[in-house]
Each structure stands twice: as structure tokens, then as C-alpha cells.
Amino acid sequence: MTEVTKTADGLDPKQRRALIQLAFSDGHLGKVGDLKPDLDTKLRAGLVGRKLLEQKKVGRGTALELTDGGWRWVMENLDSELPGKDGVSALLMEVLKRLSGFLRANHFNLTDVIQQRQVTPAGNAEERDAKEALLQAAEDLGGAKASQIRLRDLRPKLANYSRQEVDAAIRELQVEEILSVIPIDLPTDIDERDREAAIDIAEKPRHAIIVLGR
């Protein structure tokens, strides 16, 4: 029987590899069989149980998608231990360690790298101002007491900032777990204003935020 080696956070190295592979596949795969090497059912169920991964029925198959928690885990653990094979793992680990350090030093979001978006350096006074302005605007709209705050109502209050600055602030506040960015899946609950104000995260439009705390 093969012994399962788990790391400090309780994840098997194969689970870590699967999460990172999913992130570099834009956060989702159309079917379980697209994940190579395969992750067995028990290990996948463990990730689902920890709310790092979602499994969704699509036709007769099952699709995989990183949750917001899964994206945060990848952002914080790019340099995690992975299963080794024929020296490839060592090279990949070196690449991931350097990438992880670069993202942290520049306060960049991993999805910006994966989707090859143009970004401006974060962490400067303007971005700090944008984050504070966003939180103040959210507070004016109900803050943590509101069940959700639609981006169509939030963006007009941030007219002094570019859309790129606002989007960067939203993403960073989500990574910091100060707010959660959510989709509104029921088509009858959104209109053109919601679609125009939406922010794409993991190639999925999100229409509202929930303020979690500061």
C-alpha cells in the first residue's frame, strides 16, 4: 500500500499539484478526465470538502472549477511541495518559487498572469487610495450589513478612479478576504447595467460584492 504524505496544511502533494494545474488552466476544466495526471475520487472529494474545488455536472460528465478559496490557496502556495518525477518537479518548483515571490513583491494577482492581462504596479499610494475609496463607497451602500452590493451601484461612486484601478482594488481586497466577489447566476436578476459593471474572475463575470470585514 502506498503511504500518503501530507503537508502542514493537510493536503496531499497530488492535491496541491491539481489545484495549481487548474489555476494555470484558467481555473476550470470541462471534464474530470482533462486533469492529467488524474486525481483519484477520494483526493478530489477532500478538496471539495475544504471548499477549494467545485465539481459540477455538465451533461453526462463532471467539470472541475477552482473556488475563490482555491484561487487564494494557489496565490499563497505556488511554492508548495509537489510530487517529484524524473527531475521535472525540481525545475517546476524553481519556476513557481520565483513566480510566487514576484507576485507577492508586486502585489499582482495570479489571474492577471494566467490571462495575460496588462497591469500597472500595485501597492502605490493610488491603489491604497482606491482600496480605501472602494471600502468607503461600499460602506455608504450598507457595508457588511448589506446582503450584497451590486457593482452597478458601486462603480459610479468611484468615478475618480480608472476601471483598472477599481478592478485591481476589488481583486486585492478579495485576496485579503475583506470582501467576496460573487456572480448573480439568475438571468432575470440582472440587466445591462449589471453586465457592464461586472468584473471577470476566473473567466466568470461577477456582479456583486459581499463585505466580510476589515
Protein backbone atom coordinates (compact mmCIF):
# COMPACT_ATOMS: atom_id res chain seq x y z
CA MET A 1 0.00 0.00 0.00
CA THR A 2 1.37 3.41 -0.94
CA GLU A 3 1.74 5.76 2.00
CA VAL A 4 0.05 9.16 1.53
CA THR A 5 2.33 12.00 2.59
CA LYS A 6 0.52 15.13 3.70
CA THR A 7 1.99 18.54 4.26
CA ALA A 8 1.48 21.06 7.06
CA ASP A 9 -1.84 22.28 5.66
CA GLY A 10 -3.17 18.70 5.43
CA LEU A 11 -3.07 18.46 1.63
CA ASP A 12 -1.52 15.60 -0.26
CA PRO A 13 1.13 16.78 -2.78
CA LYS A 14 -1.11 15.41 -5.56
CA GLN A 15 -3.92 17.66 -4.37
CA ARG A 16 -1.54 20.63 -4.42
CA ARG A 17 -0.48 19.78 -7.95
CA ALA A 18 -4.11 19.52 -9.09
CA LEU A 19 -5.00 22.96 -7.66
CA ILE A 20 -2.02 24.60 -9.34
CA GLN A 21 -2.73 22.80 -12.63
CA LEU A 22 -6.33 24.05 -12.51
CA ALA A 23 -5.19 27.61 -11.88
CA PHE A 24 -2.96 27.50 -14.95
CA SER A 25 -5.92 26.13 -16.93
CA ASP A 26 -7.84 29.37 -16.20
CA GLY A 27 -9.35 27.82 -13.10
CA HIS A 28 -11.58 25.23 -14.73
CA LEU A 29 -11.64 22.06 -16.81
CA GLY A 30 -14.60 20.82 -18.81
CA LYS A 31 -14.34 17.27 -17.51
CA VAL A 32 -12.56 15.33 -14.79
CA GLY A 33 -10.59 13.33 -17.34
CA ASP A 34 -8.89 16.52 -18.59
CA LEU A 35 -6.88 16.69 -15.35
CA LYS A 36 -3.57 14.96 -16.07
CA PRO A 37 -2.23 13.17 -14.10
CA ASP A 38 -5.57 12.02 -12.75
CA LEU A 39 -6.57 12.81 -9.16
CA ASP A 40 -8.45 9.95 -7.56
CA THR A 41 -12.00 10.36 -6.28
CA LYS A 42 -11.06 10.47 -2.59
CA LEU A 43 -8.47 13.21 -3.07
CA ARG A 44 -10.88 15.26 -5.21
CA ALA A 45 -13.57 14.86 -2.58
CA GLY A 46 -11.12 16.17 0.01
CA LEU A 47 -10.60 19.36 -1.98
CA VAL A 48 -14.35 19.77 -2.42
CA GLY A 49 -14.84 19.29 1.31
CA ARG A 50 -12.32 22.04 2.05
CA LYS A 51 -14.13 24.34 -0.41
CA LEU A 52 -11.07 24.64 -2.64
CA LEU A 53 -12.70 22.89 -5.60
CA GLU A 54 -16.16 22.57 -7.10
CA GLN A 55 -17.42 19.62 -9.14
CA LYS A 56 -20.32 20.43 -11.46
CA LYS A 57 -22.40 18.10 -13.58
CA VAL A 58 -22.18 19.07 -17.25
CA GLY A 59 -24.22 16.75 -19.44
CA ARG A 60 -23.05 13.24 -18.60
CA GLY A 61 -19.70 14.40 -17.31
CA THR A 62 -18.29 16.36 -14.37
CA ALA A 63 -16.47 19.68 -14.71
CA LEU A 64 -13.90 20.99 -12.22
CA GLU A 65 -13.59 24.62 -11.11
CA LEU A 66 -11.49 26.38 -8.51
CA THR A 67 -13.47 28.20 -5.84
CA ASP A 68 -12.44 31.63 -4.57
CA GLY A 69 -10.80 29.77 -1.71
CA GLY A 70 -8.95 27.60 -4.22
CA TRP A 71 -7.62 30.67 -6.01
CA ARG A 72 -6.47 32.15 -2.70
CA TRP A 73 -4.73 28.87 -1.81
CA VAL A 74 -2.84 28.88 -5.13
CA MET A 75 -1.90 32.56 -4.72
CA GLU A 76 -0.42 31.79 -1.30
CA ASN A 77 1.11 28.39 -2.07
CA LEU A 78 2.69 28.48 -5.52
CA ASP A 79 5.93 27.27 -3.97
CA SER A 80 4.30 24.26 -2.28
CA GLU A 81 5.83 20.78 -2.37
CA LEU A 82 4.69 18.79 -5.41
CA PRO A 83 5.14 15.12 -6.36
CA GLY A 84 8.53 14.60 -7.98
CA LYS A 85 9.22 12.67 -11.19
CA ASP A 86 12.37 12.49 -13.32
CA GLY A 87 13.63 15.89 -12.16
CA VAL A 88 10.75 17.79 -13.77
CA SER A 89 9.32 18.68 -10.38
CA ALA A 90 12.55 20.38 -9.27
CA LEU A 91 12.55 22.65 -12.32
CA LEU A 92 8.86 23.45 -11.93
CA MET A 93 9.36 24.21 -8.24
CA GLU A 94 12.08 26.72 -9.06
CA VAL A 95 9.82 28.45 -11.59
CA LEU A 96 6.90 28.56 -9.14
CA LYS A 97 9.06 29.88 -6.29
CA ARG A 98 10.28 32.74 -8.46
CA LEU A 99 6.78 33.48 -9.73
CA SER A 100 5.37 33.39 -6.20
CA GLY A 101 7.98 35.86 -4.97
CA PHE A 102 7.34 38.16 -7.94
CA LEU A 103 3.57 38.20 -7.35
CA ARG A 104 3.99 38.98 -3.67
CA ALA A 105 6.61 41.68 -4.23
CA ASN A 106 4.47 43.47 -6.81
CA HIS A 107 1.04 42.69 -5.30
CA PHE A 108 -0.06 41.21 -8.63
CA ASN A 109 -2.98 38.81 -8.97
CA LEU A 110 -2.27 35.33 -10.34
CA THR A 111 -5.24 35.55 -12.71
CA ASP A 112 -3.63 38.58 -14.37
CA VAL A 113 -0.62 36.40 -15.24
CA ILE A 114 -2.67 33.43 -16.41
CA GLN A 115 -4.98 35.55 -18.58
CA GLN A 116 -2.05 37.72 -19.76
CA ARG A 117 -3.70 40.99 -18.82
CA GLN A 118 -1.80 44.28 -18.84
CA VAL A 119 -1.44 45.55 -15.28
CA THR A 120 0.06 48.51 -13.50
CA PRO A 121 2.25 48.04 -10.42
CA ALA A 122 0.16 47.82 -7.27
CA GLY A 123 0.89 48.82 -3.72
CA ASN A 124 1.40 52.51 -4.54
CA ALA A 125 -0.47 55.41 -2.98
CA GLU A 126 -3.04 55.49 -5.77
CA GLU A 127 -4.02 51.86 -5.25
CA ARG A 128 -4.18 52.25 -1.49
CA ASP A 129 -6.44 55.24 -2.08
CA ALA A 130 -8.59 53.19 -4.48
CA LYS A 131 -9.00 50.42 -1.91
CA GLU A 132 -9.98 52.85 0.83
CA ALA A 133 -12.34 54.69 -1.52
CA LEU A 134 -13.92 51.39 -2.55
CA LEU A 135 -14.46 50.34 1.06
CA GLN A 136 -15.94 53.73 1.90
CA ALA A 137 -18.27 53.54 -1.10
CA ALA A 138 -19.30 50.03 -0.04
CA GLU A 139 -19.95 51.31 3.48
CA ASP A 140 -22.21 54.03 2.06
CA LEU A 141 -24.20 51.26 0.36
CA GLY A 142 -24.65 49.24 3.52
CA GLY A 143 -21.22 47.68 4.08
CA ALA A 144 -21.20 44.39 5.98
CA LYS A 145 -24.88 44.84 6.85
CA ALA A 146 -25.89 44.57 3.18
CA SER A 147 -26.57 41.05 1.89
CA GLN A 148 -24.74 42.10 -1.29
CA ILE A 149 -23.66 45.28 -3.06
CA ARG A 150 -24.00 45.37 -6.82
CA LEU A 151 -21.07 46.64 -8.83
CA ARG A 152 -23.51 48.70 -10.93
CA ASP A 153 -24.21 50.74 -7.77
CA LEU A 154 -20.60 50.76 -6.53
CA ARG A 155 -18.74 51.87 -9.67
CA PRO A 156 -20.46 55.28 -10.03
CA LYS A 157 -19.18 56.21 -6.57
CA LEU A 158 -15.61 55.57 -7.75
CA ALA A 159 -15.66 57.78 -10.84
CA ASN A 160 -12.35 59.41 -9.82
CA TYR A 161 -10.55 56.11 -10.39
CA SER A 162 -9.98 54.19 -13.60
CA ARG A 163 -11.76 50.89 -14.11
CA GLN A 164 -8.38 49.15 -13.96
CA GLU A 165 -7.64 50.71 -10.55
CA VAL A 166 -11.07 49.72 -9.22
CA ASP A 167 -10.76 46.16 -10.54
CA ALA A 168 -7.28 45.82 -9.00
CA ALA A 169 -8.65 47.04 -5.66
CA ILE A 170 -11.55 44.56 -5.82
CA ARG A 171 -9.21 41.64 -6.56
CA GLU A 172 -6.75 42.56 -3.82
CA LEU A 173 -9.49 43.03 -1.23
CA GLN A 174 -10.84 39.62 -2.18
CA VAL A 175 -7.42 38.01 -1.73
CA GLU A 176 -7.18 39.76 1.66
CA GLU A 177 -10.60 38.23 2.49
CA ILE A 178 -12.09 41.65 3.23
CA LEU A 179 -14.75 41.09 0.62
CA SER A 180 -16.09 38.33 -1.61
CA VAL A 181 -16.92 38.88 -5.27
CA ILE A 182 -19.94 36.89 -6.41
CA PRO A 183 -21.88 36.18 -9.60
CA ILE A 184 -25.62 36.58 -9.97
CA ASP A 185 -26.49 33.48 -11.92
CA LEU A 186 -30.23 34.01 -12.47
CA PRO A 187 -30.53 35.90 -15.80
CA THR A 188 -33.78 37.59 -14.73
CA ASP A 189 -32.00 39.17 -11.75
CA ILE A 190 -29.51 41.16 -13.84
CA ASP A 191 -29.77 43.73 -16.60
CA GLU A 192 -27.40 45.54 -18.97
CA ARG A 193 -26.10 47.75 -16.14
CA ASP A 194 -25.02 44.65 -14.21
CA ARG A 195 -23.31 43.15 -17.25
CA GLU A 196 -21.47 46.42 -17.98
CA ALA A 197 -20.27 46.77 -14.38
CA ALA A 198 -19.22 43.12 -13.96
CA ILE A 199 -15.65 42.05 -13.25
CA ASP A 200 -14.28 38.81 -14.73
CA ILE A 201 -12.60 36.47 -12.27
CA ALA A 202 -11.54 33.01 -13.47
CA GLU A 203 -13.29 33.81 -16.77
CA LYS A 204 -16.63 34.19 -14.99
CA PRO A 205 -18.45 37.54 -14.66
CA ARG A 206 -19.07 38.63 -11.07
CA HIS A 207 -21.77 41.22 -10.47
CA ALA A 208 -21.69 41.99 -6.75
CA ILE A 209 -19.55 42.04 -3.61
CA ILE A 210 -20.15 40.98 -0.05
CA VAL A 211 -18.20 42.90 2.61
CA LEU A 212 -16.74 40.40 5.06
CA GLY A 213 -14.86 42.67 7.45
CA ARG A 214 -11.81 44.90 7.87
